């Protein structure tokens, strides 16, 4: 009698694409365009504000 063990699932390396200069409106359009066609795709919007220093 032989036992069949499931092969381990190896994690794929994470891949990133950084889009700079994208407005919030453009980001929402991108989300709507991609829709549910890419269930493993994770999108994030990062907006950094740097206050001007007064000297």
Protein backbone atom coordinates (compact mmCIF):
# COMPACT_ATOMS: atom_id res chain seq x y z
CA UNK A 1 0.00 0.00 0.00
CA UNK A 2 1.50 3.36 -1.00
CA UNK A 3 0.55 6.76 0.32
CA UNK A 4 0.24 9.71 -2.06
CA UNK A 5 1.28 12.97 -0.48
CA UNK A 6 0.19 16.24 -2.02
CA UNK A 7 3.08 18.24 -3.38
CA UNK A 8 3.74 21.38 -1.36
CA UNK A 9 2.62 24.63 -2.92
CA UNK A 10 5.58 26.97 -3.15
CA UNK A 11 4.89 30.67 -2.69
CA UNK A 12 5.54 32.75 -5.76
CA UNK A 13 7.78 35.78 -5.30
CA UNK A 14 5.88 39.03 -5.00
CA UNK A 15 5.95 41.28 -8.03
CA UNK A 16 5.33 45.02 -7.82
CA UNK A 17 4.63 47.77 -10.27
CA UNK A 18 4.84 51.37 -9.06
CA UNK A 19 2.90 54.02 -10.94
CA UNK A 20 3.87 57.57 -9.99
CA UNK A 21 1.85 60.69 -10.62
CA UNK A 22 -1.51 58.86 -10.67
CA UNK A 23 -4.43 60.87 -9.33
CA UNK A 24 -7.13 59.35 -7.16
CA UNK A 25 -9.55 59.59 -10.09
CA UNK A 26 -7.11 57.72 -12.35
CA UNK A 27 -6.65 55.08 -9.66
CA UNK A 28 -10.42 54.54 -9.46
CA UNK A 29 -10.59 54.22 -13.25
CA UNK A 30 -7.81 51.63 -13.13
CA UNK A 31 -9.73 49.65 -10.49
CA UNK A 32 -12.92 49.79 -12.56
CA UNK A 33 -11.08 48.78 -15.75
CA UNK A 34 -9.42 45.75 -14.14
CA UNK A 35 -12.65 44.73 -12.43
CA UNK A 36 -12.73 41.16 -11.14
CA UNK A 37 -10.55 39.78 -13.94
CA UNK A 38 -7.50 39.57 -11.65
CA UNK A 39 -8.60 38.07 -8.31
CA UNK A 40 -5.03 37.82 -6.95
CA UNK A 41 -4.13 41.39 -7.85
CA UNK A 42 -3.83 43.77 -4.93
CA UNK A 43 -3.76 47.51 -5.59
CA UNK A 44 -2.83 50.23 -3.14
CA UNK A 45 -2.93 54.00 -3.40
CA UNK A 46 -0.34 55.93 -1.44
CA UNK A 47 -0.44 59.68 -1.25
CA UNK A 48 2.19 61.57 0.72
CA UNK A 49 1.88 65.22 1.55
CA UNK A 50 4.97 67.19 2.53
CA UNK A 51 4.20 70.49 4.20
CA UNK A 52 6.34 73.38 3.07
CA UNK A 53 8.72 74.62 5.72
CA UNK A 54 8.74 78.35 6.29
CA UNK A 55 12.13 79.84 6.98
